[in-house]
Protein backbone atom coordinates (compact mmCIF):
# COMPACT_ATOMS: atom_id res chain seq x y z
CA UNK A 1 56.05 -0.55 45.95
CA UNK A 2 57.10 -4.04 47.02
CA UNK A 3 53.88 -5.67 45.80
CA UNK A 4 54.33 -4.02 42.41
CA UNK A 5 57.93 -5.22 42.23
CA UNK A 6 56.90 -8.75 43.21
CA UNK A 7 54.41 -8.85 40.33
CA UNK A 8 57.05 -7.60 37.92
CA UNK A 9 59.56 -10.17 39.14
CA UNK A 10 57.04 -12.95 38.67
CA UNK A 11 56.41 -11.81 35.10
CA UNK A 12 60.11 -11.57 34.31
CA UNK A 13 60.85 -15.09 35.55
CA UNK A 14 58.94 -16.48 32.58
CA UNK A 15 61.20 -14.62 30.18
CA UNK A 16 64.50 -15.74 31.68
CA UNK A 17 63.77 -19.33 32.69
CA UNK A 18 65.73 -20.47 29.65
CA UNK A 19 68.87 -18.56 30.68
CA UNK A 20 70.21 -21.02 33.26
CA UNK A 21 70.52 -23.82 30.69
CA UNK A 22 71.56 -21.58 27.81
CA UNK A 23 75.33 -21.43 28.27
CA UNK A 24 76.03 -22.58 24.72
CA UNK A 25 74.10 -19.81 22.98
CA UNK A 26 76.24 -17.64 20.68
CA UNK A 27 76.69 -13.94 21.36
CA UNK A 28 74.48 -13.08 18.39
CA UNK A 29 71.85 -15.64 19.36
CA UNK A 30 71.84 -14.38 22.93
CA UNK A 31 71.40 -10.80 21.69
CA UNK A 32 68.53 -11.81 19.42
CA UNK A 33 66.76 -13.61 22.26
CA UNK A 34 67.18 -10.68 24.63
CA UNK A 35 65.91 -8.26 21.99
CA UNK A 36 62.86 -10.41 21.28
CA UNK A 37 62.05 -10.54 24.98
CA UNK A 38 62.54 -6.79 25.40
CA UNK A 39 60.28 -5.95 22.46
CA UNK A 40 57.52 -8.05 24.06
CA UNK A 41 57.67 -5.84 27.15
CA UNK A 42 55.57 -2.82 26.16
CA UNK A 43 57.30 0.24 27.58
CA UNK A 44 55.60 2.87 25.42
CA UNK A 45 56.20 6.33 26.84
CA UNK A 46 53.75 7.60 27.94
CA UNK A 47 53.19 6.03 30.39
CA UNK A 48 56.51 4.15 30.33
CA UNK A 49 56.22 1.16 32.68
CA UNK A 50 59.98 0.71 32.27
CA UNK A 51 60.13 -1.44 35.41
CA UNK A 52 59.11 -4.35 33.16
CA UNK A 53 62.45 -4.07 31.40
CA UNK A 54 64.41 -3.22 34.55
CA UNK A 55 63.11 -6.33 36.28
CA UNK A 56 63.88 -8.50 33.24
CA UNK A 57 67.44 -7.19 33.07
CA UNK A 58 67.99 -7.81 36.78
CA UNK A 59 66.71 -11.36 36.45
CA UNK A 60 69.14 -12.06 33.58
CA UNK A 61 71.97 -10.50 35.57
CA UNK A 62 71.08 -12.48 38.70
CA UNK A 63 70.94 -15.72 36.73
CA UNK A 64 74.46 -15.08 35.45
CA UNK A 65 75.93 -14.02 38.78
CA UNK A 66 76.14 -10.30 37.95
CA UNK A 67 75.21 -7.88 40.76
CA UNK A 68 72.36 -5.58 39.69
CA UNK A 69 70.12 -3.02 41.39
CA UNK A 70 66.70 -1.56 40.63
CA UNK A 71 66.84 2.19 41.26
CA UNK A 72 64.33 5.02 41.14
CA UNK A 73 61.53 6.74 43.01
CA UNK A 74 58.61 5.43 40.92
CA UNK A 75 57.98 1.66 41.23
CA UNK A 76 56.60 1.58 37.68
CA UNK A 77 59.53 3.47 36.14
CA UNK A 78 62.68 1.96 37.58
CA UNK A 79 66.21 2.06 36.19
CA UNK A 80 68.68 -0.80 36.53
CA UNK A 81 72.43 -0.75 37.10
CA UNK A 82 74.56 -3.91 36.80
CA UNK A 83 78.33 -4.19 37.26
CA UNK A 84 81.10 -6.62 36.38
CA UNK A 85 84.24 -5.80 38.35
CA UNK A 86 87.62 -5.12 36.74
CA UNK A 87 91.01 -4.88 38.41
CA UNK A 88 90.62 -1.14 39.01
CA UNK A 89 93.58 -0.10 36.87
CA UNK A 90 91.32 2.30 34.95
CA UNK A 91 88.05 4.05 35.67
CA UNK A 92 84.79 2.30 34.66
CA UNK A 93 83.24 1.99 31.22
CA UNK A 94 79.47 2.58 31.15
CA UNK A 95 77.24 0.81 28.62
CA UNK A 96 73.94 2.70 28.53
CA UNK A 97 70.62 2.52 26.68
CA UNK A 98 67.09 3.61 27.49
CA UNK A 99 64.29 1.15 28.16
CA UNK A 100 61.30 3.23 27.02
CA UNK A 101 60.00 3.45 23.45
CA UNK A 102 57.75 5.85 21.58
CA UNK A 103 54.11 4.76 21.14
CA UNK A 104 53.17 2.69 18.10
CA UNK A 105 50.11 3.34 15.93
CA UNK A 106 49.00 -0.27 15.72
CA UNK A 107 46.72 0.32 12.73
CA UNK A 108 49.73 1.49 10.73
CA UNK A 109 51.73 -1.69 11.43
CA UNK A 110 51.50 -4.93 9.47
CA UNK A 111 52.44 -6.89 12.62
CA UNK A 112 51.83 -6.56 16.35
CA UNK A 113 54.48 -4.02 17.42
CA UNK A 114 54.97 -5.81 20.74
CA UNK A 115 55.09 -9.44 19.61
CA UNK A 116 58.70 -9.66 18.41
CA UNK A 117 57.73 -11.39 15.19
CA UNK A 118 60.31 -12.54 12.64
CA UNK A 119 59.52 -12.18 8.93
CA UNK A 120 61.99 -12.78 6.12
CA UNK A 121 64.96 -12.62 8.50
CA UNK A 122 63.80 -9.33 10.06
CA UNK A 123 62.78 -8.96 13.69
CA UNK A 124 59.82 -6.56 13.92
CA UNK A 125 58.83 -4.52 16.94
CA UNK A 126 58.79 -1.12 18.59
CA UNK A 127 62.29 -0.55 19.91
CA UNK A 128 63.97 -2.88 17.42
CA UNK A 129 66.16 0.03 16.36
CA UNK A 130 65.57 2.61 19.11
CA UNK A 131 67.01 1.41 21.26
CA UNK A 132 66.29 -2.02 22.68
CA UNK A 133 68.66 -3.54 20.13
CA UNK A 134 71.56 -1.68 21.73
CA UNK A 135 70.35 -2.63 25.21
CA UNK A 136 70.13 -6.30 24.20
CA UNK A 137 73.64 -6.25 22.71
CA UNK A 138 75.07 -4.56 25.82
CA UNK A 139 73.43 -7.12 28.08
CA UNK A 140 74.67 -10.01 25.93
CA UNK A 141 78.24 -8.68 25.93
CA UNK A 142 78.22 -8.26 29.71
CA UNK A 143 76.85 -11.79 30.22
CA UNK A 144 79.43 -13.23 27.83
CA UNK A 145 82.28 -11.45 29.61
CA UNK A 146 81.06 -12.83 32.93
CA UNK A 147 80.61 -16.36 31.55
CA UNK A 148 84.10 -16.41 30.03
CA UNK A 149 85.64 -14.74 33.08
CA UNK A 150 87.33 -12.15 30.87
CA UNK A 151 89.85 -10.03 32.79
CA UNK A 152 89.06 -6.31 32.70
CA UNK A 153 91.08 -3.21 33.55
CA UNK A 154 87.88 -1.29 34.20
CA UNK A 155 84.60 -2.07 35.91
CA UNK A 156 81.96 -2.62 33.24
CA UNK A 157 78.63 -1.00 34.15
CA UNK A 158 75.34 -1.62 32.37
CA UNK A 159 72.78 1.17 32.76
CA UNK A 160 69.20 1.00 31.52
CA UNK A 161 67.46 4.31 32.13
CA UNK A 162 63.77 5.19 32.03
CA UNK A 163 62.06 8.13 30.31
CA UNK A 164 64.63 9.08 27.67
CA UNK A 165 61.93 9.60 25.05
CA UNK A 166 59.97 12.19 27.05
CA UNK A 167 61.68 13.92 29.95
CA UNK A 168 64.98 12.18 30.79
CA UNK A 169 63.81 11.84 34.39
CA UNK A 170 65.61 8.51 34.75
CA UNK A 171 69.15 9.72 34.09
CA UNK A 172 68.57 12.92 36.06
CA UNK A 173 67.36 10.96 39.09
CA UNK A 174 70.40 8.66 38.87
CA UNK A 175 72.83 11.56 38.64
CA UNK A 176 71.23 13.22 41.66
CA UNK A 177 70.67 10.15 43.84
CA UNK A 178 72.92 7.37 42.54
CA UNK A 179 75.92 9.04 40.94
CA UNK A 180 78.60 6.75 42.50
CA UNK A 181 76.81 3.75 40.97
CA UNK A 182 77.13 5.05 37.40
CA UNK A 183 80.21 7.30 37.55
CA UNK A 184 82.56 6.36 34.72
CA UNK A 185 85.38 7.71 32.59
CA UNK A 186 83.69 6.76 29.33
CA UNK A 187 80.18 5.81 28.22
CA UNK A 188 78.93 4.07 25.09
CA UNK A 189 75.44 5.14 24.10
CA UNK A 190 73.06 5.33 21.16
CA UNK A 191 73.59 7.98 18.49
CA UNK A 192 76.13 6.42 16.15
CA UNK A 193 75.33 5.02 12.73
CA UNK A 194 76.87 3.10 9.86
CA UNK A 195 76.37 3.48 6.13
CA UNK A 196 78.04 2.00 3.07
CA UNK A 197 79.49 4.19 0.35
CA UNK A 198 79.23 3.47 -3.35
CA UNK A 199 82.97 2.80 -3.38
CA UNK A 200 82.49 -0.08 -0.93
CA UNK A 201 83.74 1.74 2.17
CA UNK A 202 81.74 1.16 5.31
CA UNK A 203 81.53 4.51 7.11
CA UNK A 204 81.19 4.43 10.90
CA UNK A 205 79.86 7.66 12.40
CA UNK A 206 80.74 8.09 16.08
CA UNK A 207 78.54 10.66 17.77
CA UNK A 208 80.73 12.98 19.84
CA UNK A 209 78.30 15.91 20.14
CA UNK A 210 74.58 16.64 20.01
CA UNK A 211 72.33 19.50 19.04
CA UNK A 212 70.28 20.79 21.95
CA UNK A 213 66.47 20.48 22.00
CA UNK A 214 65.10 23.90 22.92
CA UNK A 215 61.31 23.87 23.16
CA UNK A 216 59.78 27.23 22.32
CA UNK A 217 56.21 28.53 22.73
CA UNK A 218 54.67 31.23 20.55
CA UNK A 219 51.60 32.90 22.07
CA UNK A 220 49.70 35.33 19.83
CA UNK A 221 47.11 37.72 21.26
CA UNK A 222 44.34 39.74 19.68
CA UNK A 223 40.79 40.91 20.30
CA UNK A 224 38.11 38.26 20.61
CA UNK A 225 35.12 38.59 18.33
CA UNK A 226 32.54 36.99 16.10
CA UNK A 227 33.77 34.85 13.24
CA UNK A 228 31.48 36.66 10.80
CA UNK A 229 33.74 39.73 10.88
CA UNK A 230 37.28 39.01 9.59
CA UNK A 231 40.09 40.87 11.36
CA UNK A 232 43.73 41.22 10.40
CA UNK A 233 44.69 41.19 14.09
CA UNK A 234 43.05 37.80 14.63
CA UNK A 235 45.31 35.90 17.05
CA UNK A 236 45.23 32.80 14.82
CA UNK A 237 46.39 34.84 11.84
CA UNK A 238 49.10 36.52 13.88
CA UNK A 239 50.34 33.11 15.01
CA UNK A 240 50.23 31.69 11.48
CA UNK A 241 52.23 34.57 10.06
CA UNK A 242 54.79 34.24 12.85
CA UNK A 243 55.24 30.52 12.22
CA UNK A 244 55.68 31.02 8.48
CA UNK A 245 58.28 33.73 9.07
CA UNK A 246 60.24 31.53 11.46
CA UNK A 247 60.06 28.49 9.21
CA UNK A 248 61.09 30.39 6.09
CA UNK A 249 63.92 32.35 7.69
CA UNK A 250 67.47 31.10 7.10
CA UNK A 251 69.04 30.56 10.50
CA UNK A 252 72.72 31.58 10.62
CA UNK A 253 75.40 29.05 9.71
CA UNK A 254 77.75 28.25 12.60
CA UNK A 255 80.32 25.51 12.20
CA UNK A 256 81.77 23.60 15.14
CA UNK A 257 85.09 21.76 15.17
CA UNK A 258 83.24 18.45 14.95
CA UNK A 259 81.13 19.61 12.00
CA UNK A 260 84.16 20.93 10.10
CA UNK A 261 85.92 17.60 10.37
CA UNK A 262 82.71 15.71 9.51
CA UNK A 263 82.21 17.72 6.32
CA UNK A 264 85.85 17.40 5.34
CA UNK A 265 85.83 13.63 5.70
CA UNK A 266 82.46 13.19 3.97
CA UNK A 267 83.82 15.13 0.98
CA UNK A 268 86.16 12.20 0.23
CA UNK A 269 83.29 9.84 -0.66
CA UNK A 270 81.70 9.66 -4.13
CA UNK A 271 78.23 10.44 -2.74
CA UNK A 272 79.58 13.84 -1.73
CA UNK A 273 81.76 14.72 -4.73
CA UNK A 274 79.83 18.01 -4.93
CA UNK A 275 80.81 19.02 -1.38
CA UNK A 276 84.53 20.00 -1.63
CA UNK A 277 83.84 23.13 -3.68
CA UNK A 278 81.35 24.35 -1.06
CA UNK A 279 83.53 23.91 2.03
CA UNK A 280 85.60 27.12 1.64
CA UNK A 281 82.39 29.07 1.08
CA UNK A 282 80.95 27.81 4.38
CA UNK A 283 83.87 29.38 6.25
CA UNK A 284 83.30 32.75 4.60
CA UNK A 285 80.60 34.83 6.30
CA UNK A 286 79.71 36.48 3.00
CA UNK A 287 79.00 33.18 1.23
CA UNK A 288 78.06 30.78 4.06
CA UNK A 289 74.28 31.18 3.76
CA UNK A 290 74.26 30.61 -0.01
CA UNK A 291 76.55 27.59 0.33
CA UNK A 292 74.34 26.09 3.04
CA UNK A 293 71.33 26.65 0.77
CA UNK A 294 73.01 24.59 -1.94
CA UNK A 295 73.76 21.85 0.58
CA UNK A 296 70.11 21.87 1.70
CA UNK A 297 68.93 21.20 -1.87
CA UNK A 298 71.15 18.13 -2.06
CA UNK A 299 71.09 16.85 1.51
CA UNK A 300 68.65 18.40 4.05
CA UNK A 301 70.09 16.25 6.85
CA UNK A 302 73.55 17.65 6.27
CA UNK A 303 72.20 21.20 6.19
CA UNK A 304 70.55 20.60 9.59
CA UNK A 305 73.99 20.08 11.12
CA UNK A 306 75.09 23.56 10.02
CA UNK A 307 72.48 25.64 11.84
CA UNK A 308 69.69 25.76 14.36
CA UNK A 309 66.48 24.25 12.99
CA UNK A 310 62.85 25.27 13.57
CA UNK A 311 59.91 22.85 13.31
CA UNK A 312 56.37 23.79 14.44
CA UNK A 313 54.76 20.71 15.95
CA UNK A 314 51.72 21.60 18.12
CA UNK A 315 48.87 24.13 17.86
CA UNK A 316 46.16 25.25 20.28
CA UNK A 317 43.53 27.92 19.62
CA UNK A 318 39.82 28.59 20.06
CA UNK A 319 36.87 26.84 21.65
CA UNK A 320 34.16 27.42 19.02
CA UNK A 321 34.24 27.69 15.24
CA UNK A 322 32.30 30.96 15.05
CA UNK A 323 34.31 32.75 17.74
CA UNK A 324 37.66 34.47 17.21
CA UNK A 325 39.89 33.48 20.14
CA UNK A 326 41.85 36.08 22.07
CA UNK A 327 44.94 33.83 22.15
CA UNK A 328 46.52 31.21 19.92
CA UNK A 329 49.52 29.09 20.87
CA UNK A 330 52.08 26.99 19.01
CA UNK A 331 54.90 24.82 20.29
CA UNK A 332 58.03 24.71 18.17
CA UNK A 333 60.73 22.03 18.27
CA UNK A 334 63.98 23.98 18.02
CA UNK A 335 67.30 22.13 17.78
CA UNK A 336 70.02 24.62 18.46
CA UNK A 337 73.74 24.33 17.90
CA UNK A 338 75.96 23.87 20.97
CA UNK A 339 77.67 27.21 20.26
CA UNK A 340 74.40 29.18 20.55
CA UNK A 341 72.56 30.09 23.74
CA UNK A 342 68.82 29.92 24.32
CA UNK A 343 68.81 33.69 24.85
CA UNK A 344 70.37 34.25 21.43
CA UNK A 345 67.71 32.05 19.87
CA UNK A 346 64.82 33.89 21.51
CA UNK A 347 66.21 37.32 20.58
CA UNK A 348 66.66 36.30 16.95
CA UNK A 349 63.19 34.74 16.73
CA UNK A 350 61.57 37.90 18.12
CA UNK A 351 63.38 39.96 15.52
CA UNK A 352 62.31 37.62 12.70
CA UNK A 353 58.66 37.61 13.79
CA UNK A 354 58.62 41.36 14.39
CA UNK A 355 55.20 41.38 16.06
CA UNK A 356 54.91 42.62 19.68
CA UNK A 357 51.56 40.83 19.95
CA UNK A 358 53.34 37.47 19.62
CA UNK A 359 55.16 36.41 22.77
CA UNK A 360 58.07 33.98 22.32
CA UNK A 361 59.25 32.05 25.38
CA UNK A 362 60.86 28.79 26.38
CA UNK A 363 58.66 25.89 27.44
CA UNK A 364 58.73 25.83 31.27
CA UNK A 365 61.00 23.24 32.82
CA UNK A 366 64.67 22.28 32.82
CA UNK A 367 66.67 22.58 29.61
CA UNK A 368 69.23 20.04 28.45
CA UNK A 369 72.76 21.11 29.37
CA UNK A 370 75.16 22.60 26.85
CA UNK A 371 78.29 20.45 26.75
CA UNK A 372 81.62 20.22 24.97
CA UNK A 373 82.19 17.52 22.37
CA UNK A 374 83.63 14.26 23.64
CA UNK A 375 87.30 14.19 22.60
CA UNK A 376 88.61 12.30 19.58
CA UNK A 377 91.94 11.81 21.33
CA UNK A 378 90.68 9.78 24.29
CA UNK A 379 91.56 6.16 24.98
CA UNK A 380 87.95 5.18 24.33
CA UNK A 381 87.76 6.86 20.93
CA UNK A 382 91.03 5.24 19.89
CA UNK A 383 89.69 1.92 21.10
CA UNK A 384 86.59 2.34 18.96
CA UNK A 385 88.80 3.05 15.94
CA UNK A 386 90.88 -0.07 16.64
CA UNK A 387 87.82 -2.27 17.15
CA UNK A 388 86.25 -1.17 13.87
CA UNK A 389 89.56 -1.73 12.06
CA UNK A 390 89.86 -5.24 13.51
CA UNK A 391 86.32 -6.32 12.64
CA UNK A 392 86.28 -4.54 9.27
CA UNK A 393 89.94 -4.47 8.18
CA UNK A 394 89.18 -3.59 4.57
CA UNK A 395 87.64 -0.31 3.44
CA UNK A 396 86.28 1.11 6.66
CA UNK A 397 86.36 4.72 7.81
CA UNK A 398 85.65 6.25 11.22
CA UNK A 399 84.16 9.75 11.30
CA UNK A 400 83.08 11.85 14.33
CA UNK A 401 79.84 13.78 13.98
CA UNK A 402 77.24 15.85 15.80
CA UNK A 403 73.76 14.33 15.76
CA UNK A 404 70.58 16.29 15.11
CA UNK A 405 68.77 14.36 17.81
CA UNK A 406 69.47 14.36 21.53
CA UNK A 407 70.15 11.57 24.01
CA UNK A 408 70.63 11.18 27.74
CA UNK A 409 74.34 11.39 27.06
CA UNK A 410 74.34 15.18 27.38
CA UNK A 411 73.61 14.89 31.12
CA UNK A 412 76.66 12.66 31.57
CA UNK A 413 78.86 14.90 29.42
CA UNK A 414 77.92 17.77 31.74
CA UNK A 415 79.40 15.71 34.60
CA UNK A 416 82.70 15.12 32.80
CA UNK A 417 82.00 11.69 31.26
CA UNK A 418 83.16 11.32 27.65
CA UNK A 419 80.11 9.84 25.91
CA UNK A 420 80.27 8.26 22.47
CA UNK A 421 77.30 7.29 20.33
CA UNK A 422 78.60 4.00 18.98
CA UNK A 423 77.97 2.79 15.43
CA UNK A 424 77.29 -0.92 15.64
CA UNK A 425 74.17 -1.42 13.50
CA UNK A 426 74.31 -0.85 9.75
CA UNK A 427 71.50 1.17 8.20
CA UNK A 428 70.13 -1.44 5.79
CA UNK A 429 67.72 -0.74 2.89
CA UNK A 430 65.03 -3.08 4.22
CA UNK A 431 64.92 -1.59 7.71
CA UNK A 432 62.62 1.16 8.89
CA UNK A 433 63.87 4.21 10.73
CA UNK A 434 63.60 4.75 14.45
CA UNK A 435 60.08 5.72 15.54
CA UNK A 436 58.69 4.51 12.20
CA UNK A 437 55.93 2.04 11.45
CA UNK A 438 57.02 -1.61 11.13
CA UNK A 439 60.28 -0.82 12.93
CA UNK A 440 62.59 -3.76 12.32
CA UNK A 441 66.17 -5.00 12.26
CA UNK A 442 67.69 -7.89 10.32
CA UNK A 443 69.05 -10.99 12.04
CA UNK A 444 72.41 -10.40 10.34
CA UNK A 445 72.54 -6.85 11.65
CA UNK A 446 71.89 -8.09 15.18
CA UNK A 447 74.70 -10.65 14.87
CA UNK A 448 77.28 -8.29 13.37
CA UNK A 449 76.35 -5.45 15.73
CA UNK A 450 76.82 -7.62 18.80
CA UNK A 451 80.20 -8.83 17.56
CA UNK A 452 81.37 -5.28 16.91
CA UNK A 453 80.24 -4.14 20.36
CA UNK A 454 82.09 -7.10 21.87
CA UNK A 455 85.30 -5.96 20.21
CA UNK A 456 84.71 -2.33 21.23
CA UNK A 457 84.30 -3.29 24.88
CA UNK A 458 87.36 -5.55 24.88
CA UNK A 459 89.51 -2.88 23.26
CA UNK A 460 88.37 -0.31 25.83
CA UNK A 461 88.19 -2.37 29.02
CA UNK A 462 89.93 -5.68 28.32
CA UNK A 463 93.22 -6.58 29.99
CA UNK A 464 95.21 -7.14 26.81
């Protein structure tokens, strides 16, 4: 382990040699430099190799006099925790982001996804949006607070965790083996977003809840045989019919408190002038399904927040083209609402499929915990509202929402930490989405996002 760490440290030194003489760099410039360096460290998961990033972060922290630790049981997949001390008046604030990224199909990119190239004021690279940009901004804010000797009422903890994109092993290991090092009252994480309405209002969505990934396996069985004799009980056909039934079925509409408020506040914007008339129908069991269907036609993303979703993603059947297999298997990515249990989902799916030859089970392994929404009345949420109002005093709105995706934040919520997906980066027309080809972020977005995070941290942890 130590030889591997030594090699990583040697590599990281080259990235941070500039830091000691870089005290005059602006917060935005510092964030951009960190992000460029982080993109150039390929942490595609699988296999991860997140220790590249962990070692880099520790070197930056060490250079700036911030205590930091490398933590984990796999020398290639380490997490890092850094801390700037406050006066202890309040419990710590945790700034968290994951260090791994999804793989990039290099042939589909117009640039090297791990070069950190700038074109037309956009920084390209895997992780530019998800979520090395957030990690870079958090690191820059922590360094700036240390450099300026800003007085804090809370310890400020930076956490970079491994394996968020695949199994969340990093955060689970830390909770089990290093909980005192990351225990906090509040955490700021990925999951928020910003968009601009046609009326000029900048809408900041703070993620206070998440849908729950629930991986499901369908296994169809039937008699094996020769491909020359078609059979209606062919396992592949059984599986296909089951998948179509599940995909076509309307899952029940179940609103949460967060979703109700989200819909109500969205209805005030011109993009959603069609929504107010549908809201009363969503609360009526007799009309909810039809109303959700109308929402789906206009905004599929909004519809996905109203119910559990079903997306077949992986298939496995047969070993030879002229042989009918005795089994066929599909994996389905189910995102269930927090007010539904996995058992309810399985029972409903079995009823929809209605075929005893198709077994429906959960993918083996631990499931993400079901947690309550982080409160909108907490000191941290109010601080986020104040920070957004200070940086964008004209025509800004703050709206809580439940995200379709999942983050490591659910594990912390299950331990009583109020986690907020913070909206610091604007979704700009020229940027690609997370996990997309040519993932990129504009220089202006990096600058403004870092400044907003700075204000959020000061409002939450500053001694003012």
